[in-house]
Amino acid sequence: MKTLILDNNKIVVYLYNYFFKSSLKNDIIKEIKQLFIRLIKYYNYNLGGVYNVIILENSKYGTILEIEKTSELLFNPDLIDIKVKINKEVNFYFKTEDYFIIEKFKNIYYDSGEFYINILDIDNLNKYLEFGTIVYSLEDNFLTKKIFIK
């Protein structure tokens, strides 16, 4: 598990495989609550209030959670309330600044000093993760907005 704090109200949690044991929404909410406990206990995050949790899943990579705080709870600021939205088969992309890491692949795109490739085109993704990051988009035409170079 890798966490990234984007600002004071948004946390992104990268889970490198399918995290949820069940596809039932109530079971998923219980597992997210356990994840919140882990974030508080092991990562020392100060969490409390109302959160939107967006679940992004991809069969090749796994699960990414976007956790965004929407408001405070006035009477019990330590309590957590979550609203969950699940997105299956989201497009995940590998982003790197080093072209030579991905030069052997087809369908490479470029934008603002960074190179992008769909992770479905990468055989052994774990081999490349230390050289870049995973980005995601709900839009099917995310890469076509970039410059195609190969």
N, C-alpha and C. Protein backbone atom coordinates (compact mmCIF):
# COMPACT_ATOMS: atom_id res chain seq x y z
N MET A 1 0.84 -1.17 0.00
CA MET A 1 0.00 0.00 0.00
C MET A 1 0.89 1.24 0.00
N LYS A 2 0.54 2.18 -0.86
CA LYS A 2 1.24 3.45 -0.94
C LYS A 2 0.20 4.56 -0.82
N THR A 3 0.50 5.57 -0.01
CA THR A 3 -0.43 6.68 0.13
C THR A 3 0.24 7.96 -0.35
N LEU A 4 -0.57 8.85 -0.87
CA LEU A 4 -0.09 10.13 -1.38
C LEU A 4 -1.09 11.19 -0.95
N ILE A 5 -0.61 12.21 -0.26
CA ILE A 5 -1.48 13.30 0.15
C ILE A 5 -1.38 14.40 -0.89
N LEU A 6 -2.48 14.68 -1.59
CA LEU A 6 -2.47 15.70 -2.63
C LEU A 6 -2.67 17.10 -2.06
N ASP A 7 -3.51 17.22 -1.08
CA ASP A 7 -3.68 18.46 -0.33
C ASP A 7 -4.28 18.08 1.02
N ASN A 8 -4.67 19.04 1.79
CA ASN A 8 -5.19 18.74 3.13
C ASN A 8 -6.48 17.94 3.10
N ASN A 9 -7.19 17.96 2.00
CA ASN A 9 -8.49 17.30 1.94
C ASN A 9 -8.52 16.07 1.04
N LYS A 10 -7.40 15.69 0.41
CA LYS A 10 -7.44 14.58 -0.53
C LYS A 10 -6.25 13.65 -0.34
N ILE A 11 -6.55 12.36 -0.22
CA ILE A 11 -5.54 11.32 -0.08
C ILE A 11 -5.78 10.29 -1.18
N VAL A 12 -4.72 9.84 -1.82
CA VAL A 12 -4.82 8.77 -2.81
C VAL A 12 -4.09 7.56 -2.25
N VAL A 13 -4.76 6.42 -2.24
CA VAL A 13 -4.19 5.18 -1.71
C VAL A 13 -4.06 4.20 -2.87
N TYR A 14 -2.83 3.75 -3.12
CA TYR A 14 -2.54 2.78 -4.18
C TYR A 14 -2.45 1.39 -3.56
N LEU A 15 -3.31 0.51 -4.00
CA LEU A 15 -3.32 -0.88 -3.54
C LEU A 15 -2.99 -1.73 -4.76
N TYR A 16 -1.88 -2.43 -4.73
CA TYR A 16 -1.34 -3.05 -5.93
C TYR A 16 -2.05 -4.31 -6.40
N ASN A 17 -3.15 -4.65 -5.80
CA ASN A 17 -3.97 -5.73 -6.32
C ASN A 17 -5.41 -5.46 -5.90
N TYR A 18 -6.31 -6.33 -6.26
CA TYR A 18 -7.70 -6.12 -5.86
C TYR A 18 -7.77 -6.20 -4.34
N PHE A 19 -8.26 -5.17 -3.75
CA PHE A 19 -8.25 -5.05 -2.30
C PHE A 19 -9.48 -5.68 -1.67
N PHE A 20 -10.61 -5.54 -2.29
CA PHE A 20 -11.86 -5.92 -1.66
C PHE A 20 -12.17 -7.39 -1.89
N LYS A 21 -12.55 -8.06 -0.81
CA LYS A 21 -12.82 -9.49 -0.87
C LYS A 21 -14.20 -9.80 -1.44
N SER A 22 -15.09 -8.81 -1.41
CA SER A 22 -16.46 -8.99 -1.86
C SER A 22 -16.83 -7.87 -2.83
N SER A 23 -17.83 -8.10 -3.62
CA SER A 23 -18.30 -7.05 -4.52
C SER A 23 -19.58 -6.39 -3.99
N LEU A 24 -20.02 -6.80 -2.81
CA LEU A 24 -21.20 -6.20 -2.20
C LEU A 24 -20.81 -4.87 -1.57
N LYS A 25 -21.61 -3.85 -1.83
CA LYS A 25 -21.28 -2.50 -1.37
C LYS A 25 -21.15 -2.41 0.15
N ASN A 26 -22.01 -3.07 0.90
CA ASN A 26 -21.92 -3.03 2.36
C ASN A 26 -20.62 -3.64 2.86
N ASP A 27 -20.17 -4.73 2.24
CA ASP A 27 -18.90 -5.35 2.62
C ASP A 27 -17.73 -4.43 2.27
N ILE A 28 -17.82 -3.78 1.12
CA ILE A 28 -16.77 -2.85 0.71
C ILE A 28 -16.67 -1.68 1.69
N ILE A 29 -17.81 -1.17 2.14
CA ILE A 29 -17.80 -0.07 3.11
C ILE A 29 -17.14 -0.52 4.41
N LYS A 30 -17.41 -1.73 4.86
CA LYS A 30 -16.76 -2.26 6.07
C LYS A 30 -15.24 -2.33 5.88
N GLU A 31 -14.80 -2.79 4.72
CA GLU A 31 -13.36 -2.88 4.46
C GLU A 31 -12.71 -1.50 4.36
N ILE A 32 -13.44 -0.53 3.82
CA ILE A 32 -12.92 0.84 3.75
C ILE A 32 -12.77 1.40 5.16
N LYS A 33 -13.71 1.10 6.03
CA LYS A 33 -13.60 1.55 7.42
C LYS A 33 -12.35 0.96 8.08
N GLN A 34 -12.07 -0.30 7.80
CA GLN A 34 -10.85 -0.91 8.33
C GLN A 34 -9.60 -0.23 7.75
N LEU A 35 -9.68 0.15 6.49
CA LEU A 35 -8.57 0.87 5.87
C LEU A 35 -8.37 2.23 6.53
N PHE A 36 -9.44 2.92 6.86
CA PHE A 36 -9.35 4.20 7.57
C PHE A 36 -8.66 4.00 8.92
N ILE A 37 -9.00 2.93 9.62
CA ILE A 37 -8.36 2.63 10.91
C ILE A 37 -6.86 2.43 10.72
N ARG A 38 -6.49 1.74 9.66
CA ARG A 38 -5.06 1.54 9.36
C ARG A 38 -4.35 2.85 9.06
N LEU A 39 -5.02 3.72 8.29
CA LEU A 39 -4.43 5.02 7.96
C LEU A 39 -4.22 5.86 9.21
N ILE A 40 -5.14 5.77 10.14
CA ILE A 40 -5.01 6.52 11.39
C ILE A 40 -3.93 5.91 12.29
N LYS A 41 -3.95 4.60 12.41
CA LYS A 41 -3.06 3.91 13.34
C LYS A 41 -1.61 3.86 12.85
N TYR A 42 -1.39 3.48 11.60
CA TYR A 42 -0.03 3.25 11.12
C TYR A 42 0.58 4.45 10.38
N TYR A 43 -0.27 5.27 9.76
CA TYR A 43 0.23 6.42 9.00
C TYR A 43 0.03 7.75 9.74
N ASN A 44 -0.60 7.67 10.91
CA ASN A 44 -0.84 8.85 11.76
C ASN A 44 -1.62 9.96 11.05
N TYR A 45 -2.56 9.58 10.20
CA TYR A 45 -3.42 10.58 9.56
C TYR A 45 -4.49 11.01 10.55
N ASN A 46 -4.77 12.28 10.57
CA ASN A 46 -5.82 12.82 11.42
C ASN A 46 -7.09 12.88 10.59
N LEU A 47 -7.91 11.86 10.70
CA LEU A 47 -9.11 11.75 9.88
C LEU A 47 -10.35 11.92 10.74
N GLY A 48 -11.29 12.64 10.23
CA GLY A 48 -12.57 12.83 10.90
C GLY A 48 -13.43 13.73 10.03
N GLY A 49 -14.69 13.41 9.90
CA GLY A 49 -15.59 14.19 9.08
C GLY A 49 -16.27 13.34 8.03
N VAL A 50 -16.73 14.00 6.98
CA VAL A 50 -17.44 13.32 5.89
C VAL A 50 -16.48 13.20 4.70
N TYR A 51 -16.38 11.98 4.15
CA TYR A 51 -15.45 11.71 3.06
C TYR A 51 -16.17 11.08 1.87
N ASN A 52 -15.78 11.50 0.68
CA ASN A 52 -16.16 10.79 -0.54
C ASN A 52 -15.00 9.86 -0.87
N VAL A 53 -15.30 8.59 -1.08
CA VAL A 53 -14.29 7.61 -1.43
C VAL A 53 -14.62 7.09 -2.83
N ILE A 54 -13.72 7.35 -3.77
CA ILE A 54 -13.91 6.86 -5.13
C ILE A 54 -12.97 5.68 -5.32
N ILE A 55 -13.54 4.54 -5.67
CA ILE A 55 -12.78 3.32 -5.89
C ILE A 55 -12.56 3.16 -7.38
N LEU A 56 -11.30 3.06 -7.77
CA LEU A 56 -10.93 2.88 -9.17
C LEU A 56 -10.25 1.53 -9.30
N GLU A 57 -10.81 0.65 -10.12
CA GLU A 57 -10.24 -0.69 -10.27
C GLU A 57 -9.83 -0.95 -11.71
N ASN A 58 -8.74 -1.69 -11.84
CA ASN A 58 -8.22 -2.08 -13.13
C ASN A 58 -7.70 -3.51 -12.99
N SER A 59 -8.03 -4.38 -13.93
CA SER A 59 -7.67 -5.79 -13.81
C SER A 59 -6.16 -6.01 -13.82
N LYS A 60 -5.40 -5.15 -14.48
CA LYS A 60 -3.95 -5.33 -14.55
C LYS A 60 -3.24 -4.80 -13.30
N TYR A 61 -3.68 -3.67 -12.79
CA TYR A 61 -3.00 -3.02 -11.67
C TYR A 61 -3.60 -3.38 -10.32
N GLY A 62 -4.88 -3.20 -10.19
CA GLY A 62 -5.53 -3.42 -8.91
C GLY A 62 -6.47 -2.29 -8.57
N THR A 63 -6.31 -1.73 -7.37
CA THR A 63 -7.26 -0.75 -6.85
C THR A 63 -6.55 0.53 -6.41
N ILE A 64 -7.15 1.65 -6.73
CA ILE A 64 -6.72 2.95 -6.24
C ILE A 64 -7.94 3.60 -5.59
N LEU A 65 -7.72 4.19 -4.43
CA LEU A 65 -8.79 4.89 -3.73
C LEU A 65 -8.47 6.38 -3.69
N GLU A 66 -9.43 7.19 -4.07
CA GLU A 66 -9.35 8.64 -3.88
C GLU A 66 -10.23 8.95 -2.69
N ILE A 67 -9.63 9.48 -1.64
CA ILE A 67 -10.36 9.81 -0.42
C ILE A 67 -10.34 11.32 -0.28
N GLU A 68 -11.52 11.94 -0.35
CA GLU A 68 -11.60 13.39 -0.29
C GLU A 68 -12.55 13.82 0.81
N LYS A 69 -12.05 14.68 1.68
CA LYS A 69 -12.87 15.20 2.77
C LYS A 69 -13.78 16.28 2.22
N THR A 70 -15.09 16.14 2.49
CA THR A 70 -16.05 17.11 1.97
C THR A 70 -16.54 18.08 3.05
N SER A 71 -16.58 17.62 4.30
CA SER A 71 -17.02 18.52 5.38
C SER A 71 -16.66 17.94 6.73
N GLU A 72 -16.78 18.78 7.74
CA GLU A 72 -16.57 18.37 9.13
C GLU A 72 -17.89 17.91 9.74
N LEU A 73 -17.80 17.09 10.75
CA LEU A 73 -18.98 16.76 11.56
C LEU A 73 -18.96 17.69 12.77
N LEU A 74 -20.00 18.46 12.95
CA LEU A 74 -20.01 19.49 13.99
C LEU A 74 -20.02 18.95 15.41
N PHE A 75 -20.80 17.94 15.67
CA PHE A 75 -20.97 17.49 17.05
C PHE A 75 -19.95 16.42 17.46
N ASN A 76 -19.49 15.62 16.54
CA ASN A 76 -18.48 14.58 16.83
C ASN A 76 -17.37 14.66 15.77
N PRO A 77 -16.41 15.55 15.96
CA PRO A 77 -15.39 15.75 14.92
C PRO A 77 -14.48 14.55 14.69
N ASP A 78 -14.45 13.58 15.61
CA ASP A 78 -13.60 12.41 15.44
C ASP A 78 -14.27 11.28 14.66
N LEU A 79 -15.58 11.37 14.48
CA LEU A 79 -16.30 10.34 13.73
C LEU A 79 -16.06 10.50 12.23
N ILE A 80 -16.22 9.39 11.52
CA ILE A 80 -16.01 9.38 10.08
C ILE A 80 -17.26 8.86 9.40
N ASP A 81 -17.71 9.58 8.39
CA ASP A 81 -18.83 9.15 7.56
C ASP A 81 -18.31 9.09 6.13
N ILE A 82 -18.61 8.00 5.42
CA ILE A 82 -18.08 7.86 4.06
C ILE A 82 -19.20 7.62 3.06
N LYS A 83 -18.97 8.13 1.87
CA LYS A 83 -19.84 7.89 0.72
C LYS A 83 -18.95 7.25 -0.34
N VAL A 84 -19.39 6.14 -0.88
CA VAL A 84 -18.55 5.33 -1.77
C VAL A 84 -19.10 5.33 -3.18
N LYS A 85 -18.18 5.50 -4.15
CA LYS A 85 -18.52 5.34 -5.56
C LYS A 85 -17.50 4.38 -6.16
N ILE A 86 -17.97 3.38 -6.87
CA ILE A 86 -17.10 2.33 -7.43
C ILE A 86 -17.05 2.47 -8.94
N ASN A 87 -15.83 2.47 -9.49
CA ASN A 87 -15.60 2.51 -10.94
C ASN A 87 -14.77 1.29 -11.33
N LYS A 88 -15.34 0.42 -12.11
CA LYS A 88 -14.64 -0.79 -12.56
C LYS A 88 -13.96 -0.55 -13.90
N GLU A 89 -12.85 -1.19 -14.12
CA GLU A 89 -12.08 -1.14 -15.36
C GLU A 89 -11.78 0.28 -15.82
N VAL A 90 -11.16 1.03 -14.94
CA VAL A 90 -10.72 2.39 -15.23
C VAL A 90 -9.40 2.31 -16.00
N ASN A 91 -9.15 3.26 -16.87
CA ASN A 91 -7.90 3.30 -17.63
C ASN A 91 -6.77 3.82 -16.74
N PHE A 92 -5.75 2.97 -16.53
CA PHE A 92 -4.57 3.36 -15.77
C PHE A 92 -3.42 3.51 -16.74
N TYR A 93 -2.56 4.50 -16.47
CA TYR A 93 -1.42 4.78 -17.35
C TYR A 93 -0.15 4.90 -16.53
N PHE A 94 0.94 4.48 -17.14
CA PHE A 94 2.26 4.66 -16.52
C PHE A 94 2.83 5.97 -17.03
N LYS A 95 3.28 6.82 -16.11
CA LYS A 95 3.82 8.13 -16.47
C LYS A 95 5.26 8.20 -15.99
N THR A 96 6.16 8.63 -16.88
CA THR A 96 7.57 8.76 -16.53
C THR A 96 8.17 9.94 -17.27
N GLU A 97 9.26 10.46 -16.73
CA GLU A 97 9.99 11.53 -17.40
C GLU A 97 11.10 10.97 -18.29
N ASP A 98 11.41 9.68 -18.14
CA ASP A 98 12.53 9.05 -18.84
C ASP A 98 12.01 8.20 -20.01
N TYR A 99 12.20 8.69 -21.21
CA TYR A 99 11.72 7.99 -22.41
C TYR A 99 12.38 6.62 -22.56
N PHE A 100 13.64 6.50 -22.19
CA PHE A 100 14.39 5.28 -22.43
C PHE A 100 13.89 4.09 -21.61
N ILE A 101 13.13 4.35 -20.59
CA ILE A 101 12.53 3.27 -19.81
C ILE A 101 11.43 2.57 -20.60
N ILE A 102 10.70 3.32 -21.41
CA ILE A 102 9.54 2.76 -22.12
C ILE A 102 9.71 2.76 -23.64
N GLU A 103 10.92 3.01 -24.12
CA GLU A 103 11.13 3.16 -25.56
C GLU A 103 10.79 1.91 -26.36
N LYS A 104 10.84 0.74 -25.77
CA LYS A 104 10.56 -0.49 -26.52
C LYS A 104 9.06 -0.74 -26.73
N PHE A 105 8.22 0.03 -26.05
CA PHE A 105 6.78 -0.15 -26.16
C PHE A 105 6.19 0.66 -27.30
N LYS A 106 5.02 0.24 -27.74
CA LYS A 106 4.28 0.98 -28.75
C LYS A 106 3.32 1.93 -28.05
N ASN A 107 2.73 2.83 -28.79
CA ASN A 107 1.72 3.75 -28.29
C ASN A 107 2.20 4.59 -27.11
N ILE A 108 3.29 5.31 -27.33
CA ILE A 108 3.83 6.21 -26.33
C ILE A 108 3.34 7.62 -26.64
N TYR A 109 2.90 8.30 -25.59
CA TYR A 109 2.40 9.66 -25.73
C TYR A 109 3.24 10.61 -24.88
N TYR A 110 3.26 11.87 -25.27
CA TYR A 110 4.08 12.88 -24.60
C TYR A 110 3.25 14.11 -24.28
N ASP A 111 3.48 14.67 -23.10
CA ASP A 111 2.82 15.92 -22.74
C ASP A 111 3.57 16.56 -21.57
N SER A 112 3.96 17.80 -21.74
CA SER A 112 4.58 18.61 -20.69
C SER A 112 5.77 17.93 -20.02
N GLY A 113 6.66 17.38 -20.81
CA GLY A 113 7.88 16.78 -20.28
C GLY A 113 7.73 15.38 -19.71
N GLU A 114 6.57 14.76 -19.92
CA GLU A 114 6.34 13.42 -19.39
C GLU A 114 5.77 12.50 -20.46
N PHE A 115 6.14 11.23 -20.36
CA PHE A 115 5.72 10.21 -21.32
C PHE A 115 4.67 9.32 -20.67
N TYR A 116 3.70 8.90 -21.48
CA TYR A 116 2.58 8.10 -20.99
C TYR A 116 2.43 6.85 -21.84
N ILE A 117 2.06 5.77 -21.16
CA ILE A 117 1.76 4.52 -21.85
C ILE A 117 0.66 3.81 -21.06
N ASN A 118 -0.27 3.19 -21.76
CA ASN A 118 -1.33 2.43 -21.10
C ASN A 118 -0.69 1.23 -20.41
N ILE A 119 -1.06 0.95 -19.16
CA ILE A 119 -0.41 -0.16 -18.45
C ILE A 119 -0.77 -1.51 -19.05
N LEU A 120 -1.82 -1.57 -19.85
CA LEU A 120 -2.15 -2.83 -20.50
C LEU A 120 -1.09 -3.24 -21.51
N ASP A 121 -0.27 -2.27 -21.96
CA ASP A 121 0.80 -2.55 -22.92
C ASP A 121 2.09 -3.00 -22.25
N ILE A 122 2.14 -2.99 -20.92
CA ILE A 122 3.36 -3.35 -20.18
C ILE A 122 3.20 -4.75 -19.61
N ASP A 123 4.15 -5.64 -19.94
CA ASP A 123 4.07 -7.02 -19.47
C ASP A 123 4.31 -7.15 -17.96
N ASN A 124 5.45 -6.68 -17.49
CA ASN A 124 5.81 -6.79 -16.09
C ASN A 124 5.82 -5.39 -15.47
N LEU A 125 4.69 -4.94 -15.02
CA LEU A 125 4.53 -3.58 -14.53
C LEU A 125 5.41 -3.30 -13.31
N ASN A 126 5.56 -4.27 -12.41
CA ASN A 126 6.35 -4.08 -11.18
C ASN A 126 7.79 -3.67 -11.49
N LYS A 127 8.30 -4.10 -12.60
CA LYS A 127 9.67 -3.78 -13.01
C LYS A 127 9.84 -2.28 -13.29
N TYR A 128 8.78 -1.59 -13.63
CA TYR A 128 8.85 -0.19 -14.03
C TYR A 128 8.34 0.80 -12.98
N LEU A 129 7.64 0.33 -11.96
CA LEU A 129 6.98 1.23 -11.02
C LEU A 129 7.92 2.20 -10.31
N GLU A 130 9.16 1.80 -10.07
CA GLU A 130 10.08 2.70 -9.37
C GLU A 130 10.56 3.85 -10.26
N PHE A 131 10.32 3.77 -11.56
CA PHE A 131 10.79 4.80 -12.49
C PHE A 131 9.69 5.78 -12.91
N GLY A 132 8.52 5.63 -12.35
CA GLY A 132 7.42 6.52 -12.71
C GLY A 132 6.26 6.35 -11.76
N THR A 133 5.12 6.83 -12.16
CA THR A 133 3.92 6.75 -11.33
C THR A 133 2.75 6.25 -12.17
N ILE A 134 1.74 5.82 -11.47
CA ILE A 134 0.50 5.40 -12.11
C ILE A 134 -0.47 6.59 -12.06
N VAL A 135 -1.03 6.92 -13.20
CA VAL A 135 -2.08 7.93 -13.26
C VAL A 135 -3.31 7.25 -13.83
N TYR A 136 -4.45 7.86 -13.67
CA TYR A 136 -5.69 7.23 -14.09
C TYR A 136 -6.63 8.28 -14.63
N SER A 137 -7.57 7.81 -15.44
CA SER A 137 -8.56 8.71 -16.01
C SER A 137 -9.83 7.93 -16.29
N LEU A 138 -10.94 8.56 -16.02
CA LEU A 138 -12.22 7.95 -16.36
C LEU A 138 -12.58 8.21 -17.81
N GLU A 139 -11.83 9.09 -18.47
CA GLU A 139 -12.08 9.40 -19.87
C GLU A 139 -11.38 8.38 -20.77
N ASP A 140 -12.07 7.90 -21.78
CA ASP A 140 -11.47 6.96 -22.72
C ASP A 140 -10.44 7.64 -23.63
N ASN A 141 -10.58 8.93 -23.83
CA ASN A 141 -9.70 9.64 -24.77
C ASN A 141 -8.58 10.41 -24.05
N PHE A 142 -8.20 9.98 -22.85
CA PHE A 142 -7.16 10.65 -22.08
C PHE A 142 -5.85 10.77 -22.86
N LEU A 143 -5.39 9.66 -23.44
CA LEU A 143 -4.11 9.67 -24.16
C LEU A 143 -4.20 10.41 -25.49
N THR A 144 -5.34 10.42 -26.11
CA THR A 144 -5.44 11.09 -27.41
C THR A 144 -5.33 12.62 -27.28
N LYS A 145 -5.44 13.12 -26.05
CA LYS A 145 -5.23 14.55 -25.81
C LYS A 145 -3.73 14.88 -25.72
N LYS A 146 -2.90 13.85 -25.69
CA LYS A 146 -1.45 14.00 -25.62
C LYS A 146 -0.87 13.86 -27.03
N ILE A 147 0.41 14.14 -27.16
CA ILE A 147 1.08 14.03 -28.46
C ILE A 147 1.57 12.60 -28.65
N PHE A 148 1.10 11.94 -29.71
CA PHE A 148 1.53 10.57 -30.02
C PHE A 148 2.92 10.64 -30.63
N ILE A 149 3.89 9.92 -30.05
CA ILE A 149 5.25 9.96 -30.59
C ILE A 149 5.71 8.64 -31.16
N LYS A 150 5.04 7.56 -30.81
CA LYS A 150 5.48 6.26 -31.33
C LYS A 150 4.35 5.26 -31.26
